[in-house]
PDB file of N, CA and C in Angstrom:
ATOM      1  N   MET A   1     -43.432 -31.574 -15.679  1.00  0.00           N
ATOM      2  CA  MET A   1     -44.407 -30.669 -16.384  1.00  0.00           C
ATOM      3  C   MET A   1     -43.936 -30.767 -17.985  1.00  0.00           C
ATOM      4  N   GLY A   2     -42.842 -31.161 -18.310  1.00  0.00           N
ATOM      5  CA  GLY A   2     -42.432 -31.127 -19.614  1.00  0.00           C
ATOM      6  C   GLY A   2     -42.110 -29.817 -19.911  1.00  0.00           C
ATOM      7  N   ILE A   3     -41.338 -29.039 -18.869  1.00  0.00           N
ATOM      8  CA  ILE A   3     -40.809 -27.946 -19.214  1.00  0.00           C
ATOM      9  C   ILE A   3     -39.154 -27.865 -19.134  1.00  0.00           C
ATOM     10  N   ASP A   4     -38.457 -27.335 -20.219  1.00  0.00           N
ATOM     11  CA  ASP A   4     -37.153 -27.602 -20.518  1.00  0.00           C
ATOM     12  C   ASP A   4     -36.556 -26.578 -20.633  1.00  0.00           C
ATOM     13  N   ASN A   5     -35.173 -26.496 -20.518  1.00  0.00           N
ATOM     14  CA  ASN A   5     -34.086 -25.118 -20.980  1.00  0.00           C
ATOM     15  C   ASN A   5     -34.511 -23.886 -19.852  1.00  0.00           C
ATOM     16  N   ILE A   6     -35.042 -24.386 -18.578  1.00  0.00           N
ATOM     17  CA  ILE A   6     -34.990 -22.987 -17.713  1.00  0.00           C
ATOM     18  C   ILE A   6     -33.721 -23.089 -16.923  1.00  0.00           C
ATOM     19  N   ILE A   7     -33.391 -21.680 -16.433  1.00  0.00           N
ATOM     20  CA  ILE A   7     -32.311 -21.591 -15.616  1.00  0.00           C
ATOM     21  C   ILE A   7     -33.135 -21.198 -14.490  1.00  0.00           C
ATOM     22  N   PHE A   8     -32.469 -21.865 -13.388  1.00  0.00           N
ATOM     23  CA  PHE A   8     -33.119 -21.734 -12.144  1.00  0.00           C
ATOM     24  C   PHE A   8     -31.897 -21.845 -11.098  1.00  0.00           C
ATOM     25  N   ASP A   9     -31.930 -20.806 -10.090  1.00  0.00           N
ATOM     26  CA  ASP A   9     -30.904 -20.849  -9.367  1.00  0.00           C
ATOM     27  C   ASP A   9     -31.516 -21.272  -7.790  1.00  0.00           C
ATOM     28  N   GLU A  10     -31.313 -22.576  -7.799  1.00  0.00           N
ATOM     29  CA  GLU A  10     -31.994 -23.450  -6.492  1.00  0.00           C
ATOM     30  C   GLU A  10     -31.211 -22.773  -5.373  1.00  0.00           C
ATOM     31  N   GLU A  11     -29.831 -22.600  -5.357  1.00  0.00           N
ATOM     32  CA  GLU A  11     -29.350 -22.199  -4.069  1.00  0.00           C
ATOM     33  C   GLU A  11     -29.855 -20.743  -3.384  1.00  0.00           C
ATOM     34  N   ASN A  12     -30.292 -19.621  -4.076  1.00  0.00           N
ATOM     35  CA  ASN A  12     -31.108 -18.607  -3.757  1.00  0.00           C
ATOM     36  C   ASN A  12     -32.410 -18.225  -4.031  1.00  0.00           C
ATOM     37  N   TYR A  13     -33.090 -19.501  -4.244  1.00  0.00           N
ATOM     38  CA  TYR A  13     -34.521 -19.592  -4.134  1.00  0.00           C
ATOM     39  C   TYR A  13     -35.100 -20.160  -2.681  1.00  0.00           C
ATOM     40  N   VAL A  14     -36.055 -19.236  -2.110  1.00  0.00           N
ATOM     41  CA  VAL A  14     -36.503 -19.386  -0.960  1.00  0.00           C
ATOM     42  C   VAL A  14     -38.202 -19.489  -1.017  1.00  0.00           C
ATOM     43  N   ILE A  15     -38.591 -20.638  -1.450  1.00  0.00           N
ATOM     44  CA  ILE A  15     -40.058 -20.555  -1.967  1.00  0.00           C
ATOM     45  C   ILE A  15     -41.282 -20.130  -0.742  1.00  0.00           C
ATOM     46  N   GLU A  16     -40.704 -19.996   0.585  1.00  0.00           N
ATOM     47  CA  GLU A  16     -41.439 -19.365   1.570  1.00  0.00           C
ATOM     48  C   GLU A  16     -41.683 -17.779   1.217  1.00  0.00           C
ATOM     49  N   ASN A  17     -40.685 -17.160   0.687  1.00  0.00           N
ATOM     50  CA  ASN A  17     -40.509 -15.723   0.494  1.00  0.00           C
ATOM     51  C   ASN A  17     -41.881 -15.361  -0.344  1.00  0.00           C
ATOM     52  N   TYR A  18     -42.000 -16.354  -1.477  1.00  0.00           N
ATOM     53  CA  TYR A  18     -42.964 -16.382  -2.260  1.00  0.00           C
ATOM     54  C   TYR A  18     -44.471 -16.807  -1.854  1.00  0.00           C
ATOM     55  N   LEU A  19     -44.619 -17.594  -1.136  1.00  0.00           N
ATOM     56  CA  LEU A  19     -45.712 -18.339  -0.611  1.00  0.00           C
ATOM     57  C   LEU A  19     -46.077 -17.301   0.573  1.00  0.00           C
ATOM     58  N   ASP A  20     -45.673 -16.396   1.057  1.00  0.00           N
ATOM     59  CA  ASP A  20     -45.847 -15.452   1.856  1.00  0.00           C
ATOM     60  C   ASP A  20     -46.865 -14.441   1.620  1.00  0.00           C
ATOM     61  N   LYS A  21     -46.820 -14.168   0.135  1.00  0.00           N
ATOM     62  CA  LYS A  21     -47.452 -13.115  -0.440  1.00  0.00           C
ATOM     63  C   LYS A  21     -48.850 -13.454  -0.859  1.00  0.00           C
ATOM     64  N   PHE A  22     -49.102 -14.866  -0.680  1.00  0.00           N
ATOM     65  CA  PHE A  22     -50.705 -15.540  -0.444  1.00  0.00           C
ATOM     66  C   PHE A  22     -51.177 -15.192   0.989  1.00  0.00           C
ATOM     67  N   LYS A  23     -51.859 -14.231   1.200  1.00  0.00           N
ATOM     68  CA  LYS A  23     -52.233 -14.019   2.712  1.00  0.00           C
ATOM     69  C   LYS A  23     -53.501 -14.365   2.817  1.00  0.00           C
ATOM     70  N   SER A  24     -54.366 -14.437   1.963  1.00  0.00           N
ATOM     71  CA  SER A  24     -56.037 -14.597   2.351  1.00  0.00           C
ATOM     72  C   SER A  24     -55.909 -16.416   2.059  1.00  0.00           C
ATOM     73  N   ASP A  25     -56.842 -16.753   2.792  1.00  0.00           N
ATOM     74  CA  ASP A  25     -57.346 -18.323   2.692  1.00  0.00           C
ATOM     75  C   ASP A  25     -57.777 -18.543   1.126  1.00  0.00           C
ATOM     76  N   LYS A  26     -58.406 -17.822   0.630  1.00  0.00           N
ATOM     77  CA  LYS A  26     -58.948 -17.649  -0.700  1.00  0.00           C
ATOM     78  C   LYS A  26     -57.771 -17.820  -1.703  1.00  0.00           C
ATOM     79  N   SER A  27     -56.822 -16.729  -1.612  1.00  0.00           N
ATOM     80  CA  SER A  27     -55.766 -16.963  -2.417  1.00  0.00           C
ATOM     81  C   SER A  27     -54.852 -18.168  -2.487  1.00  0.00           C
ATOM     82  N   GLN A  28     -54.682 -18.550  -1.161  1.00  0.00           N
ATOM     83  CA  GLN A  28     -53.750 -19.715  -1.098  1.00  0.00           C
ATOM     84  C   GLN A  28     -54.599 -20.939  -1.606  1.00  0.00           C
ATOM     85  N   LYS A  29     -55.834 -21.042  -1.446  1.00  0.00           N
ATOM     86  CA  LYS A  29     -56.582 -22.191  -2.233  1.00  0.00           C
ATOM     87  C   LYS A  29     -56.529 -22.268  -3.732  1.00  0.00           C
ATOM     88  N   ILE A  30     -56.521 -20.921  -4.237  1.00  0.00           N
ATOM     89  CA  ILE A  30     -56.508 -20.719  -5.768  1.00  0.00           C
ATOM     90  C   ILE A  30     -55.066 -21.086  -6.117  1.00  0.00           C
ATOM     91  N   LEU A  31     -54.156 -20.765  -5.478  1.00  0.00           N
ATOM     92  CA  LEU A  31     -52.845 -21.259  -5.914  1.00  0.00           C
ATOM     93  C   LEU A  31     -52.744 -22.643  -5.748  1.00  0.00           C
ATOM     94  N   LEU A  32     -53.468 -23.438  -4.994  1.00  0.00           N
ATOM     95  CA  LEU A  32     -53.397 -24.870  -4.640  1.00  0.00           C
ATOM     96  C   LEU A  32     -53.876 -25.329  -5.862  1.00  0.00           C
ATOM     97  N   LEU A  33     -55.120 -24.850  -6.147  1.00  0.00           N
ATOM     98  CA  LEU A  33     -55.826 -25.377  -7.596  1.00  0.00           C
ATOM     99  C   LEU A  33     -55.179 -25.261  -8.755  1.00  0.00           C
ATOM    100  N   GLU A  34     -54.580 -24.166  -9.025  1.00  0.00           N
ATOM    101  CA  GLU A  34     -53.770 -23.697 -10.268  1.00  0.00           C
ATOM    102  C   GLU A  34     -52.517 -24.602 -10.583  1.00  0.00           C
ATOM    103  N   LEU A  35     -51.845 -24.868  -9.170  1.00  0.00           N
ATOM    104  CA  LEU A  35     -50.672 -25.457  -9.441  1.00  0.00           C
ATOM    105  C   LEU A  35     -51.051 -27.029  -9.804  1.00  0.00           C
ATOM    106  N   MET A  36     -52.376 -27.743  -9.053  1.00  0.00           N
ATOM    107  CA  MET A  36     -52.708 -29.152  -9.059  1.00  0.00           C
ATOM    108  C   MET A  36     -53.056 -29.243 -10.742  1.00  0.00           C
ATOM    109  N   MET A  37     -53.996 -28.443 -11.076  1.00  0.00           N
ATOM    110  CA  MET A  37     -54.144 -28.184 -12.724  1.00  0.00           C
ATOM    111  C   MET A  37     -52.599 -28.385 -13.391  1.00  0.00           C
ATOM    112  N   LEU A  38     -51.672 -27.550 -13.132  1.00  0.00           N
ATOM    113  CA  LEU A  38     -50.388 -27.705 -13.806  1.00  0.00           C
ATOM    114  C   LEU A  38     -49.790 -29.105 -13.596  1.00  0.00           C
ATOM    115  N   VAL A  39     -49.556 -29.566 -12.396  1.00  0.00           N
ATOM    116  CA  VAL A  39     -48.892 -30.933 -12.023  1.00  0.00           C
ATOM    117  C   VAL A  39     -49.738 -32.001 -12.842  1.00  0.00           C
ATOM    118  N   HIS A  40     -50.988 -31.752 -13.266  1.00  0.00           N
ATOM    119  CA  HIS A  40     -51.369 -32.903 -13.697  1.00  0.00           C
ATOM    120  C   HIS A  40     -51.637 -32.870 -15.157  1.00  0.00           C
ATOM    121  N   VAL A  41     -51.152 -31.541 -15.881  1.00  0.00           N
ATOM    122  CA  VAL A  41     -51.710 -31.660 -17.158  1.00  0.00           C
ATOM    123  C   VAL A  41     -50.939 -32.426 -18.216  1.00  0.00           C
ATOM    124  N   ASP A  42     -49.778 -33.078 -17.843  1.00  0.00           N
ATOM    125  CA  ASP A  42     -48.824 -34.248 -18.249  1.00  0.00           C
ATOM    126  C   ASP A  42     -49.281 -35.476 -18.022  1.00  0.00           C
ATOM    127  N   ASP A  43     -50.396 -35.841 -17.080  1.00  0.00           N
ATOM    128  CA  ASP A  43     -50.666 -37.054 -16.384  1.00  0.00           C
ATOM    129  C   ASP A  43     -49.670 -37.506 -15.598  1.00  0.00           C
ATOM    130  N   THR A  44     -48.966 -36.885 -15.255  1.00  0.00           N
ATOM    131  CA  THR A  44     -47.747 -37.327 -14.184  1.00  0.00           C
ATOM    132  C   THR A  44     -47.938 -36.477 -12.735  1.00  0.00           C
ATOM    133  N   TYR A  45     -47.529 -36.903 -11.794  1.00  0.00           N
ATOM    134  CA  TYR A  45     -47.341 -36.427 -10.802  1.00  0.00           C
ATOM    135  C   TYR A  45     -46.092 -36.925  -9.949  1.00  0.00           C
ATOM    136  N   ASN A  46     -45.025 -36.414 -10.319  1.00  0.00           N
ATOM    137  CA  ASN A  46     -43.613 -36.871  -9.899  1.00  0.00           C
ATOM    138  C   ASN A  46     -43.601 -36.533  -8.409  1.00  0.00           C
ATOM    139  N   ASN A  47     -42.519 -37.068  -7.813  1.00  0.00           N
ATOM    140  CA  ASN A  47     -41.701 -37.038  -6.580  1.00  0.00           C
ATOM    141  C   ASN A  47     -41.697 -35.514  -6.324  1.00  0.00           C
ATOM    142  N   GLN A  48     -41.217 -34.757  -7.571  1.00  0.00           N
ATOM    143  CA  GLN A  48     -40.712 -33.390  -7.029  1.00  0.00           C
ATOM    144  C   GLN A  48     -41.760 -32.527  -6.907  1.00  0.00           C
ATOM    145  N   GLU A  49     -42.877 -32.831  -7.857  1.00  0.00           N
ATOM    146  CA  GLU A  49     -44.297 -32.044  -7.719  1.00  0.00           C
ATOM    147  C   GLU A  49     -44.873 -32.437  -6.327  1.00  0.00           C
ATOM    148  N   GLN A  50     -44.958 -33.692  -6.060  1.00  0.00           N
ATOM    149  CA  GLN A  50     -45.622 -34.043  -4.778  1.00  0.00           C
ATOM    150  C   GLN A  50     -44.992 -33.144  -3.606  1.00  0.00           C
ATOM    151  N   GLU A  51     -43.655 -33.387  -3.665  1.00  0.00           N
ATOM    152  CA  GLU A  51     -42.892 -32.398  -2.512  1.00  0.00           C
ATOM    153  C   GLU A  51     -43.159 -31.205  -2.566  1.00  0.00           C
ATOM    154  N   LEU A  52     -43.171 -30.561  -3.714  1.00  0.00           N
ATOM    155  CA  LEU A  52     -43.366 -29.019  -3.594  1.00  0.00           C
ATOM    156  C   LEU A  52     -44.965 -28.861  -2.996  1.00  0.00           C
ATOM    157  N   MET A  53     -45.851 -29.419  -3.588  1.00  0.00           N
ATOM    158  CA  MET A  53     -47.420 -29.491  -3.197  1.00  0.00           C
ATOM    159  C   MET A  53     -47.283 -29.734  -1.539  1.00  0.00           C
ATOM    160  N   ASN A  54     -46.483 -30.565  -1.180  1.00  0.00           N
ATOM    161  CA  ASN A  54     -46.697 -30.848   0.285  1.00  0.00           C
ATOM    162  C   ASN A  54     -45.985 -29.740   1.072  1.00  0.00           C
ATOM    163  N   ILE A  55     -45.122 -28.994   0.629  1.00  0.00           N
ATOM    164  CA  ILE A  55     -44.396 -27.823   1.275  1.00  0.00           C
ATOM    165  C   ILE A  55     -45.479 -26.635   1.315  1.00  0.00           C
ATOM    166  N   ILE A  56     -46.000 -26.440   0.076  1.00  0.00           N
ATOM    167  CA  ILE A  56     -47.264 -25.708   0.159  1.00  0.00           C
ATOM    168  C   ILE A  56     -48.385 -25.774   0.919  1.00  0.00           C
ATOM    169  N   SER A  57     -48.689 -27.121   1.162  1.00  0.00           N
ATOM    170  CA  SER A  57     -49.848 -27.339   1.944  1.00  0.00           C
ATOM    171  C   SER A  57     -49.488 -27.405   3.220  1.00  0.00           C
ATOM    172  N   ASN A  58     -48.055 -27.467   3.881  1.00  0.00           N
ATOM    173  CA  ASN A  58     -47.857 -27.226   5.013  1.00  0.00           C
ATOM    174  C   ASN A  58     -47.709 -25.884   5.384  1.00  0.00           C
ATOM    175  N   ARG A  59     -47.240 -25.152   4.360  1.00  0.00           N
ATOM    176  CA  ARG A  59     -46.765 -23.851   5.080  1.00  0.00           C
ATOM    177  C   ARG A  59     -48.474 -22.991   5.010  1.00  0.00           C
ATOM    178  N   PHE A  60     -49.556 -23.512   4.389  1.00  0.00           N
ATOM    179  CA  PHE A  60     -50.605 -22.879   4.451  1.00  0.00           C
ATOM    180  C   PHE A  60     -51.676 -23.592   5.246  1.00  0.00           C
ATOM    181  N   ASN A  61     -51.254 -24.691   6.190  1.00  0.00           N
ATOM    182  CA  ASN A  61     -51.813 -25.532   6.951  1.00  0.00           C
ATOM    183  C   ASN A  61     -53.266 -26.425   6.544  1.00  0.00           C
ATOM    184  N   PHE A  62     -52.963 -26.540   5.097  1.00  0.00           N
ATOM    185  CA  PHE A  62     -54.167 -27.388   4.266  1.00  0.00           C
ATOM    186  C   PHE A  62     -54.092 -28.806   5.223  1.00  0.00           C
ATOM    187  N   LYS A  63     -55.284 -29.140   5.248  1.00  0.00           N
ATOM    188  CA  LYS A  63     -55.322 -30.682   5.811  1.00  0.00           C
ATOM    189  C   LYS A  63     -55.127 -31.492   4.426  1.00  0.00           C
ATOM    190  N   PRO A  64     -54.703 -32.796   4.682  1.00  0.00           N
ATOM    191  CA  PRO A  64     -54.432 -33.704   3.565  1.00  0.00           C
ATOM    192  C   PRO A  64     -55.649 -33.915   2.798  1.00  0.00           C
ATOM    193  N   ARG A  65     -56.910 -33.839   3.012  1.00  0.00           N
ATOM    194  CA  ARG A  65     -58.169 -33.889   2.625  1.00  0.00           C
ATOM    195  C   ARG A  65     -58.336 -32.673   1.558  1.00  0.00           C
ATOM    196  N   LEU A  66     -57.951 -31.778   1.717  1.00  0.00           N
ATOM    197  CA  LEU A  66     -57.882 -30.690   0.824  1.00  0.00           C
ATOM    198  C   LEU A  66     -56.975 -30.959  -0.157  1.00  0.00           C
ATOM    199  N   LEU A  67     -55.828 -31.518  -0.105  1.00  0.00           N
ATOM    200  CA  LEU A  67     -54.817 -31.589  -1.247  1.00  0.00           C
ATOM    201  C   LEU A  67     -55.309 -32.671  -1.831  1.00  0.00           C
ATOM    202  N   LYS A  68     -55.894 -33.637  -1.441  1.00  0.00           N
ATOM    203  CA  LYS A  68     -56.550 -34.627  -2.285  1.00  0.00           C
ATOM    204  C   LYS A  68     -57.616 -34.349  -3.040  1.00  0.00           C
ATOM    205  N   PHE A  69     -58.709 -33.408  -2.642  1.00  0.00           N
ATOM    206  CA  PHE A  69     -59.556 -32.999  -3.477  1.00  0.00           C
ATOM    207  C   PHE A  69     -59.143 -32.114  -4.529  1.00  0.00           C
ATOM    208  N   ALA A  70     -57.875 -31.277  -4.279  1.00  0.00           N
ATOM    209  CA  ALA A  70     -57.339 -30.405  -5.195  1.00  0.00           C
ATOM    210  C   ALA A  70     -56.554 -31.323  -6.417  1.00  0.00           C
ATOM    211  N   SER A  71     -56.080 -32.264  -5.784  1.00  0.00           N
ATOM    212  CA  SER A  71     -55.393 -33.091  -6.928  1.00  0.00           C
ATOM    213  C   SER A  71     -56.586 -33.868  -7.784  1.00  0.00           C
ATOM    214  N   SER A  72     -57.764 -34.324  -7.165  1.00  0.00           N
ATOM    215  CA  SER A  72     -58.969 -34.879  -7.774  1.00  0.00           C
ATOM    216  C   SER A  72     -59.401 -33.697  -9.223  1.00  0.00           C
ATOM    217  N   ILE A  73     -59.282 -32.521  -8.745  1.00  0.00           N
ATOM    218  CA  ILE A  73     -59.804 -31.328  -9.645  1.00  0.00           C
ATOM    219  C   ILE A  73     -58.569 -31.319 -10.703  1.00  0.00           C
ATOM    220  N   GLY A  74     -57.459 -31.367 -10.273  1.00  0.00           N
ATOM    221  CA  GLY A  74     -56.504 -31.204 -11.386  1.00  0.00           C
ATOM    222  C   GLY A  74     -56.230 -32.270 -12.316  1.00  0.00           C
ATOM    223  N   LYS A  75     -56.497 -33.479 -11.713  1.00  0.00           N
ATOM    224  CA  LYS A  75     -56.848 -34.698 -12.770  1.00  0.00           C
ATOM    225  C   LYS A  75     -58.192 -34.396 -13.584  1.00  0.00           C
ATOM    226  N   ALA A  76     -59.249 -33.987 -13.026  1.00  0.00           N
ATOM    227  CA  ALA A  76     -60.536 -33.828 -14.011  1.00  0.00           C
ATOM    228  C   ALA A  76     -60.180 -32.829 -14.972  1.00  0.00           C
ATOM    229  N   ALA A  77     -59.489 -31.563 -14.820  1.00  0.00           N
ATOM    230  CA  ALA A  77     -59.091 -30.604 -15.571  1.00  0.00           C
ATOM    231  C   ALA A  77     -58.215 -31.125 -16.748  1.00  0.00           C
ATOM    232  N   SER A  78     -57.102 -31.988 -16.204  1.00  0.00           N
ATOM    233  CA  SER A  78     -56.370 -32.492 -17.298  1.00  0.00           C
ATOM    234  C   SER A  78     -57.249 -33.626 -18.368  1.00  0.00           C
ATOM    235  N   ALA A  79     -58.229 -34.131 -17.775  1.00  0.00           N
ATOM    236  CA  ALA A  79     -59.109 -35.005 -18.842  1.00  0.00           C
ATOM    237  C   ALA A  79     -59.605 -34.190 -19.595  1.00  0.00           C
ATOM    238  N   LEU A  80     -60.336 -33.241 -19.132  1.00  0.00           N
ATOM    239  CA  LEU A  80     -61.389 -32.110 -19.708  1.00  0.00           C
ATOM    240  C   LEU A  80     -60.189 -31.479 -21.179  1.00  0.00           C
ATOM    241  N   ARG A  81     -58.978 -31.570 -20.891  1.00  0.00           N
ATOM    242  CA  ARG A  81     -58.147 -30.560 -21.758  1.00  0.00           C
ATOM    243  C   ARG A  81     -58.007 -31.569 -22.558  1.00  0.00           C
ATOM    244  N   GLU A  82     -57.637 -32.695 -22.407  1.00  0.00           N
ATOM    245  CA  GLU A  82     -57.557 -34.132 -23.431  1.00  0.00           C
ATOM    246  C   GLU A  82     -58.726 -33.999 -24.164  1.00  0.00           C
ATOM    247  N   GLN A  83     -59.545 -34.157 -23.702  1.00  0.00           N
ATOM    248  CA  GLN A  83     -60.950 -34.362 -24.714  1.00  0.00           C
ATOM    249  C   GLN A  83     -60.992 -33.137 -25.380  1.00  0.00           C
ATOM    250  N   ALA A  84     -60.647 -32.108 -24.823  1.00  0.00           N
ATOM    251  CA  ALA A  84     -61.138 -30.953 -25.908  1.00  0.00           C
ATOM    252  C   ALA A  84     -59.800 -30.828 -26.919  1.00  0.00           C
ATOM    253  N   LEU A  85     -58.816 -31.197 -26.746  1.00  0.00           N
ATOM    254  CA  LEU A  85     -57.781 -31.411 -27.948  1.00  0.00           C
ATOM    255  C   LEU A  85     -58.211 -32.538 -28.587  1.00  0.00           C
ATOM    256  N   LEU A  86     -58.631 -33.863 -28.260  1.00  0.00           N
ATOM    257  CA  LEU A  86     -59.237 -34.796 -29.247  1.00  0.00           C
ATOM    258  C   LEU A  86     -60.241 -33.995 -29.962  1.00  0.00           C
ATOM    259  N   ILE A  87     -61.119 -33.406 -29.536  1.00  0.00           N
ATOM    260  CA  ILE A  87     -62.202 -32.653 -30.582  1.00  0.00           C
ATOM    261  C   ILE A  87     -61.512 -31.636 -31.625  1.00  0.00           C
ATOM    262  N   VAL A  88     -60.688 -30.913 -31.025  1.00  0.00           N
ATOM    263  CA  VAL A  88     -60.091 -29.942 -32.095  1.00  0.00           C
ATOM    264  C   VAL A  88     -59.415 -30.547 -32.822  1.00  0.00           C
ATOM    265  N   ASN A  89     -58.543 -31.794 -32.841  1.00  0.00           N
ATOM    266  CA  ASN A  89     -57.659 -32.329 -33.751  1.00  0.00           C
ATOM    267  C   ASN A  89     -58.483 -33.427 -34.195  1.00  0.00           C
ATOM    268  N   GLU A  90     -59.595 -33.366 -34.366  1.00  0.00           N
ATOM    269  CA  GLU A  90     -60.313 -34.472 -35.071  1.00  0.00           C
ATOM    270  C   GLU A  90     -60.267 -34.335 -36.447  1.00  0.00           C
ATOM    271  N   THR A  91     -59.994 -35.226 -37.435  1.00  0.00           N
ATOM    272  CA  THR A  91     -60.144 -34.746 -38.717  1.00  0.00           C
ATOM    273  C   THR A  91     -61.072 -35.510 -39.423  1.00  0.00           C
TER     274      THR A  91
END
């Protein structure tokens, strides 16, 4: 995602502790959509991002089809962002 210089304590990080805070089906789906927009914003969906999304999907019992739909929305949002930047930066 193009994020650099972040200190991350991987040994003490347990993603399930954070995912457990998303209790409702609606909040879980919102998280999925928001994260998909983030992973696609740089037009790449690398292995680490894919692994993270799979962990989240499995934890929330999302079907693969839902993950695919969310990914499509993330790609579309990325494309719209790119188009908007072209308009803003048009000289």
